[in-house]
N, C-alpha and C. Protein backbone atom coordinates (compact mmCIF):
# COMPACT_ATOMS: atom_id res chain seq x y z
N MET A 1 49.59 145.33 89.63
CA MET A 1 49.75 143.94 89.30
C MET A 1 50.47 143.82 87.96
N ASP A 2 51.52 144.60 87.80
CA ASP A 2 52.35 144.51 86.61
C ASP A 2 53.42 143.46 86.81
N GLY A 3 53.94 142.97 85.74
CA GLY A 3 55.03 142.00 85.79
C GLY A 3 55.17 141.32 84.45
N PRO A 4 56.15 140.46 84.32
CA PRO A 4 56.35 139.76 83.06
C PRO A 4 55.23 138.74 82.80
N VAL A 5 54.97 138.50 81.54
CA VAL A 5 53.98 137.49 81.17
C VAL A 5 54.68 136.13 81.22
N VAL A 6 54.20 135.26 82.11
CA VAL A 6 54.82 133.95 82.30
C VAL A 6 53.84 132.80 82.06
N GLY A 7 52.66 133.12 81.59
CA GLY A 7 51.65 132.10 81.34
C GLY A 7 50.40 132.73 80.78
N ASN A 8 49.29 131.99 80.89
CA ASN A 8 48.05 132.43 80.30
C ASN A 8 46.87 131.85 81.08
N ILE A 9 45.79 132.62 81.16
CA ILE A 9 44.54 132.11 81.70
C ILE A 9 43.44 132.37 80.69
N GLN A 10 42.73 131.31 80.34
CA GLN A 10 41.53 131.42 79.53
C GLN A 10 40.36 131.05 80.43
N TYR A 11 39.27 131.77 80.34
CA TYR A 11 38.13 131.46 81.19
C TYR A 11 36.83 131.72 80.45
N HIS A 12 35.80 131.02 80.87
CA HIS A 12 34.45 131.23 80.37
C HIS A 12 33.47 130.64 81.39
N GLN A 13 32.21 130.94 81.18
CA GLN A 13 31.18 130.36 82.04
C GLN A 13 30.46 129.28 81.27
N SER A 14 30.21 128.17 81.96
CA SER A 14 29.50 127.05 81.36
C SER A 14 28.01 127.36 81.28
N ALA A 15 27.28 126.45 80.65
CA ALA A 15 25.82 126.62 80.56
C ALA A 15 25.17 126.69 81.94
N GLY A 16 25.78 126.04 82.95
CA GLY A 16 25.26 126.06 84.31
C GLY A 16 25.84 127.20 85.14
N ASP A 17 26.49 128.16 84.50
CA ASP A 17 27.07 129.36 85.13
C ASP A 17 28.29 129.08 86.00
N ALA A 18 28.87 127.87 85.91
CA ALA A 18 30.14 127.62 86.59
C ALA A 18 31.23 128.40 85.87
N LEU A 19 32.25 128.81 86.60
CA LEU A 19 33.40 129.50 86.01
C LEU A 19 34.46 128.45 85.70
N GLU A 20 34.85 128.34 84.44
CA GLU A 20 35.84 127.37 84.02
C GLU A 20 37.11 128.08 83.59
N LEU A 21 38.25 127.66 84.17
CA LEU A 21 39.53 128.29 83.89
C LEU A 21 40.53 127.27 83.37
N LYS A 22 41.27 127.65 82.36
CA LYS A 22 42.39 126.85 81.82
C LYS A 22 43.64 127.70 82.04
N ILE A 23 44.52 127.24 82.93
CA ILE A 23 45.71 128.00 83.31
C ILE A 23 46.94 127.29 82.77
N THR A 24 47.82 128.04 82.12
CA THR A 24 49.12 127.51 81.71
C THR A 24 50.19 128.41 82.31
N LEU A 25 51.21 127.79 82.85
CA LEU A 25 52.34 128.50 83.43
C LEU A 25 53.59 128.01 82.72
N GLU A 26 54.38 128.93 82.19
CA GLU A 26 55.58 128.55 81.44
C GLU A 26 56.86 128.71 82.24
N TYR A 27 56.88 129.62 83.20
CA TYR A 27 58.12 129.93 83.90
C TYR A 27 57.94 129.92 85.41
N GLY A 28 57.41 128.85 85.94
CA GLY A 28 57.31 128.69 87.39
C GLY A 28 58.59 128.04 87.92
N GLU A 29 58.58 127.79 89.21
CA GLU A 29 59.72 127.07 89.79
C GLU A 29 59.62 125.60 89.38
N ASP A 30 60.78 124.97 89.17
CA ASP A 30 60.81 123.57 88.73
C ASP A 30 60.16 122.65 89.77
N SER A 31 59.34 121.73 89.28
CA SER A 31 58.73 120.66 90.09
C SER A 31 58.07 121.18 91.37
N LYS A 32 57.20 122.16 91.24
CA LYS A 32 56.49 122.75 92.38
C LYS A 32 54.99 122.60 92.20
N LYS A 33 54.30 122.53 93.33
CA LYS A 33 52.84 122.54 93.34
C LYS A 33 52.40 123.90 93.85
N TYR A 34 51.58 124.58 93.07
CA TYR A 34 51.04 125.88 93.44
C TYR A 34 49.55 125.75 93.72
N GLU A 35 49.09 126.34 94.82
CA GLU A 35 47.66 126.43 95.07
C GLU A 35 47.12 127.58 94.23
N VAL A 36 45.92 127.39 93.71
CA VAL A 36 45.28 128.40 92.88
C VAL A 36 44.11 128.98 93.65
N PHE A 37 44.09 130.31 93.76
CA PHE A 37 43.06 131.01 94.53
C PHE A 37 42.27 131.94 93.61
N LEU A 38 40.95 131.93 93.75
CA LEU A 38 40.10 132.93 93.10
C LEU A 38 39.84 134.00 94.15
N VAL A 39 40.23 135.22 93.84
CA VAL A 39 40.18 136.32 94.80
C VAL A 39 39.12 137.33 94.36
N ASP A 40 38.21 137.67 95.27
CA ASP A 40 37.20 138.68 94.98
C ASP A 40 37.87 140.05 95.02
N GLY A 41 37.84 140.73 93.92
CA GLY A 41 38.46 142.05 93.80
C GLY A 41 39.44 142.05 92.64
N PRO A 42 39.55 143.19 91.95
CA PRO A 42 40.40 143.26 90.76
C PRO A 42 41.89 143.31 91.05
N SER A 43 42.29 143.58 92.29
CA SER A 43 43.71 143.71 92.62
C SER A 43 43.92 143.30 94.07
N HIS A 44 45.20 143.18 94.47
CA HIS A 44 45.51 142.84 95.85
C HIS A 44 44.97 143.90 96.81
N ALA A 45 45.12 145.16 96.47
CA ALA A 45 44.68 146.25 97.35
C ALA A 45 43.17 146.26 97.56
N LEU A 46 42.42 145.75 96.60
CA LEU A 46 40.95 145.78 96.68
C LEU A 46 40.34 144.42 96.99
N ALA A 47 41.15 143.45 97.36
CA ALA A 47 40.66 142.10 97.64
C ALA A 47 39.82 142.08 98.92
N THR A 48 38.71 141.34 98.87
CA THR A 48 37.85 141.22 100.05
C THR A 48 37.86 139.81 100.64
N GLY A 49 38.28 138.83 99.85
CA GLY A 49 38.32 137.45 100.32
C GLY A 49 38.65 136.54 99.17
N PHE A 50 38.88 135.26 99.49
CA PHE A 50 39.28 134.32 98.45
C PHE A 50 38.92 132.91 98.82
N ILE A 51 38.94 132.04 97.80
CA ILE A 51 38.76 130.61 97.99
C ILE A 51 39.86 129.89 97.22
N THR A 52 40.24 128.71 97.69
CA THR A 52 41.16 127.85 96.95
C THR A 52 40.33 127.09 95.92
N ILE A 53 40.74 127.14 94.65
CA ILE A 53 39.95 126.48 93.61
C ILE A 53 40.66 125.26 93.01
N GLY A 54 41.89 125.01 93.43
CA GLY A 54 42.61 123.85 92.91
C GLY A 54 44.10 124.04 93.01
N ALA A 55 44.83 123.28 92.20
CA ALA A 55 46.28 123.32 92.22
C ALA A 55 46.83 123.17 90.81
N LEU A 56 48.04 123.65 90.64
CA LEU A 56 48.78 123.50 89.39
C LEU A 56 50.18 123.04 89.75
N SER A 57 50.63 121.96 89.12
CA SER A 57 51.98 121.43 89.37
C SER A 57 52.85 121.68 88.14
N THR A 58 54.10 122.03 88.39
CA THR A 58 55.03 122.26 87.29
C THR A 58 55.94 121.05 87.09
N ASP A 59 56.51 120.95 85.90
CA ASP A 59 57.43 119.88 85.59
C ASP A 59 58.87 120.33 85.90
N ALA A 60 59.84 119.56 85.47
CA ALA A 60 61.25 119.86 85.74
C ALA A 60 61.72 121.14 85.06
N ASN A 61 60.94 121.66 84.10
CA ASN A 61 61.27 122.92 83.43
C ASN A 61 60.46 124.10 83.94
N GLY A 62 59.62 123.89 84.94
CA GLY A 62 58.80 124.97 85.49
C GLY A 62 57.52 125.23 84.73
N ALA A 63 57.14 124.34 83.82
CA ALA A 63 55.91 124.50 83.05
C ALA A 63 54.81 123.61 83.62
N GLY A 64 53.58 124.09 83.55
CA GLY A 64 52.46 123.29 84.02
C GLY A 64 51.15 123.86 83.53
N SER A 65 50.09 123.08 83.68
CA SER A 65 48.76 123.57 83.31
C SER A 65 47.72 122.91 84.20
N ALA A 66 46.59 123.57 84.29
CA ALA A 66 45.47 123.04 85.07
C ALA A 66 44.17 123.55 84.47
N THR A 67 43.16 122.71 84.51
CA THR A 67 41.81 123.11 84.14
C THR A 67 40.97 122.99 85.40
N LEU A 68 40.39 124.12 85.82
CA LEU A 68 39.67 124.17 87.09
C LEU A 68 38.27 124.69 86.87
N THR A 69 37.33 124.18 87.67
CA THR A 69 35.94 124.62 87.59
C THR A 69 35.48 125.11 88.96
N VAL A 70 34.88 126.28 88.98
CA VAL A 70 34.29 126.84 90.20
C VAL A 70 32.78 126.81 89.99
N PRO A 71 32.05 125.94 90.75
CA PRO A 71 30.61 125.83 90.53
C PRO A 71 29.87 127.10 90.93
N LEU A 72 28.71 127.26 90.35
CA LEU A 72 27.88 128.44 90.64
C LEU A 72 27.65 128.59 92.14
N ALA A 73 27.42 127.49 92.85
CA ALA A 73 27.15 127.58 94.29
C ALA A 73 28.30 128.27 95.03
N ALA A 74 29.54 128.08 94.60
CA ALA A 74 30.68 128.74 95.24
C ALA A 74 30.73 130.23 94.86
N LEU A 75 30.23 130.56 93.67
CA LEU A 75 30.27 131.95 93.21
C LEU A 75 29.18 132.83 93.81
N VAL A 76 28.11 132.21 94.33
CA VAL A 76 27.06 133.00 94.96
C VAL A 76 27.28 133.10 96.48
N ALA A 77 28.25 132.35 96.99
CA ALA A 77 28.56 132.36 98.42
C ALA A 77 29.66 133.38 98.72
N ALA A 78 29.80 133.75 99.99
CA ALA A 78 30.85 134.68 100.39
C ALA A 78 32.21 134.11 100.01
N PRO A 79 33.16 134.91 99.58
CA PRO A 79 33.17 136.37 99.57
C PRO A 79 32.57 136.97 98.31
N PHE A 80 32.05 136.11 97.42
CA PHE A 80 31.50 136.58 96.16
C PHE A 80 30.04 136.96 96.34
N HIS A 81 29.40 137.35 95.27
CA HIS A 81 27.99 137.78 95.33
C HIS A 81 27.40 137.67 93.94
N THR A 82 26.10 137.83 93.86
CA THR A 82 25.46 137.82 92.55
C THR A 82 25.73 139.15 91.85
N GLY A 83 25.59 139.12 90.55
CA GLY A 83 25.82 140.32 89.75
C GLY A 83 27.17 140.25 89.04
N TYR A 84 27.62 141.40 88.59
CA TYR A 84 28.87 141.49 87.85
C TYR A 84 30.05 141.46 88.82
N LEU A 85 31.03 140.59 88.55
CA LEU A 85 32.21 140.46 89.41
C LEU A 85 33.49 140.70 88.62
N THR A 86 34.44 141.32 89.26
CA THR A 86 35.80 141.43 88.74
C THR A 86 36.71 140.82 89.80
N CYS A 87 37.32 139.70 89.46
CA CYS A 87 38.17 138.96 90.39
C CYS A 87 39.57 138.86 89.80
N HIS A 88 40.46 138.26 90.56
CA HIS A 88 41.77 137.90 90.01
C HIS A 88 42.17 136.54 90.56
N VAL A 89 43.18 135.96 89.95
CA VAL A 89 43.69 134.65 90.34
C VAL A 89 45.09 134.83 90.88
N ASP A 90 45.37 134.23 92.04
CA ASP A 90 46.72 134.17 92.61
C ASP A 90 47.14 132.72 92.67
N MET A 91 48.43 132.47 92.42
CA MET A 91 49.00 131.14 92.58
C MET A 91 50.25 131.26 93.42
N LEU A 92 50.30 130.50 94.51
CA LEU A 92 51.49 130.45 95.37
C LEU A 92 51.56 129.10 96.04
N ALA A 93 52.68 128.82 96.70
CA ALA A 93 52.88 127.50 97.31
C ALA A 93 51.80 127.19 98.33
N SER A 94 51.39 128.18 99.10
CA SER A 94 50.35 128.04 100.11
C SER A 94 49.95 129.44 100.55
N VAL A 95 48.87 129.55 101.29
CA VAL A 95 48.42 130.86 101.76
C VAL A 95 49.55 131.55 102.52
N GLY A 96 49.92 132.74 102.06
CA GLY A 96 50.94 133.54 102.73
C GLY A 96 52.37 133.10 102.50
N VAL A 97 52.59 132.04 101.71
CA VAL A 97 53.94 131.53 101.47
C VAL A 97 54.39 131.93 100.07
N LEU A 98 55.37 132.83 100.00
CA LEU A 98 55.84 133.34 98.73
C LEU A 98 57.20 132.77 98.32
N SER A 99 57.70 131.77 99.04
CA SER A 99 59.04 131.24 98.80
C SER A 99 59.21 130.61 97.42
N ALA A 100 58.16 130.10 96.81
CA ALA A 100 58.25 129.52 95.47
C ALA A 100 57.80 130.51 94.41
N GLY A 101 57.68 131.78 94.80
CA GLY A 101 57.19 132.80 93.89
C GLY A 101 55.68 132.90 93.95
N SER A 102 55.16 133.95 93.38
CA SER A 102 53.71 134.11 93.31
C SER A 102 53.36 134.62 91.92
N PHE A 103 52.22 134.20 91.45
CA PHE A 103 51.77 134.56 90.12
C PHE A 103 50.35 135.10 90.24
N THR A 104 50.06 136.17 89.51
CA THR A 104 48.77 136.82 89.58
C THR A 104 48.25 137.08 88.17
N ALA A 105 46.95 136.89 87.99
CA ALA A 105 46.32 137.22 86.71
C ALA A 105 44.97 137.86 86.98
N GLY A 106 44.67 138.89 86.28
CA GLY A 106 43.39 139.56 86.41
C GLY A 106 43.29 140.55 85.27
N ALA A 107 42.22 141.08 85.05
CA ALA A 107 40.98 140.89 85.77
C ALA A 107 40.15 139.78 85.10
N ILE A 108 39.52 138.99 85.95
CA ILE A 108 38.61 137.95 85.52
C ILE A 108 37.21 138.54 85.70
N ASN A 109 36.53 138.82 84.60
CA ASN A 109 35.22 139.48 84.64
C ASN A 109 34.13 138.50 84.25
N PHE A 110 33.08 138.42 85.07
CA PHE A 110 31.98 137.52 84.78
C PHE A 110 30.74 137.95 85.54
N PHE A 111 29.61 137.35 85.19
CA PHE A 111 28.32 137.70 85.80
C PHE A 111 27.76 136.47 86.51
N VAL A 112 27.28 136.66 87.73
CA VAL A 112 26.73 135.56 88.53
C VAL A 112 25.25 135.79 88.76
N CYS A 113 24.44 134.84 88.28
CA CYS A 113 23.00 134.87 88.56
C CYS A 113 22.79 134.21 89.91
N GLY A 114 21.83 134.66 90.67
CA GLY A 114 21.63 134.14 92.02
C GLY A 114 20.54 133.10 92.11
N GLY A 115 20.46 132.50 93.30
CA GLY A 115 19.36 131.64 93.65
C GLY A 115 19.38 130.23 93.08
N GLN A 116 20.46 129.77 92.50
CA GLN A 116 20.47 128.44 91.90
C GLN A 116 20.49 127.33 92.95
N ARG A 117 21.50 127.32 93.85
CA ARG A 117 21.56 126.32 94.92
C ARG A 117 22.64 126.74 95.91
N THR A 118 22.67 126.08 97.05
CA THR A 118 23.69 126.39 98.05
C THR A 118 24.78 125.32 98.00
N LEU A 119 25.91 125.62 98.63
CA LEU A 119 27.01 124.67 98.68
C LEU A 119 26.64 123.45 99.51
N THR A 120 27.05 122.27 99.04
CA THR A 120 26.92 121.07 99.85
C THR A 120 27.99 121.16 100.95
N SER A 121 27.91 120.31 101.96
CA SER A 121 28.92 120.36 103.02
C SER A 121 30.30 120.02 102.47
N GLU A 122 30.37 119.12 101.50
CA GLU A 122 31.66 118.77 100.88
C GLU A 122 32.23 119.97 100.11
N GLU A 123 31.38 120.67 99.36
CA GLU A 123 31.84 121.86 98.64
C GLU A 123 32.26 122.96 99.59
N ALA A 124 31.53 123.12 100.70
CA ALA A 124 31.88 124.15 101.67
C ALA A 124 33.27 123.93 102.23
N VAL A 125 33.67 122.68 102.44
CA VAL A 125 35.02 122.37 102.91
C VAL A 125 36.03 122.68 101.80
N ARG A 126 35.72 122.27 100.57
CA ARG A 126 36.64 122.49 99.45
C ARG A 126 36.84 123.97 99.16
N PHE A 127 35.77 124.74 99.22
CA PHE A 127 35.83 126.15 98.90
C PHE A 127 35.80 127.00 100.17
N LYS A 128 36.69 126.68 101.11
CA LYS A 128 36.77 127.42 102.36
C LYS A 128 37.06 128.90 102.07
N VAL A 129 36.26 129.78 102.65
CA VAL A 129 36.39 131.21 102.43
C VAL A 129 37.38 131.79 103.43
N MET A 130 38.30 132.61 102.92
CA MET A 130 39.22 133.33 103.79
C MET A 130 39.13 134.80 103.44
N SER A 131 39.38 135.66 104.41
CA SER A 131 39.30 137.10 104.17
C SER A 131 40.64 137.62 103.65
N GLY A 132 40.61 138.82 103.11
CA GLY A 132 41.83 139.44 102.60
C GLY A 132 42.22 138.85 101.26
N GLU A 133 43.53 138.64 101.08
CA GLU A 133 44.03 138.03 99.86
C GLU A 133 45.19 137.11 100.20
N PRO A 134 45.40 136.06 99.39
CA PRO A 134 46.29 134.98 99.80
C PRO A 134 47.77 135.34 99.97
N THR A 135 48.24 136.38 99.32
CA THR A 135 49.68 136.69 99.47
C THR A 135 50.00 137.29 100.83
N ARG A 136 49.01 137.80 101.54
CA ARG A 136 49.26 138.39 102.86
C ARG A 136 48.60 137.62 103.99
N ALA A 137 47.72 136.70 103.69
CA ALA A 137 46.98 135.97 104.73
C ALA A 137 47.89 134.96 105.43
N LYS A 138 47.54 134.62 106.62
CA LYS A 138 48.25 133.59 107.40
C LYS A 138 47.39 132.35 107.47
N ASN A 139 48.02 131.18 107.59
CA ASN A 139 47.27 129.92 107.70
C ASN A 139 46.39 129.91 108.92
């Protein structure tokens, strides 16, 4: 997962154990919307599954930013688990679509405590689990 540095991800866990990410992209494609995926596994080769956690849109210069929150309930559900996790973030136009480029950042390291609560039906739709990793998956 080598490549040029084209942005930055800052992350931390909130008091409620949600994962909060602040993503900035400096050199994306002009005026594009990228889906942001949290992928279980430190690299593409070791990915076990992923969820869509939001979107980032770029301006006419290819720059954009997004602040996204992944609630604890999504982090204790598949493909994730309780305990220490090493994940990565992928951004692309859509699952399996690399035409607008793809951006990857990792490793995102954090600890998930279990047993807090389960996903609501609305959250389950928002955080749909897919297997593999988004750069190779099909819709």
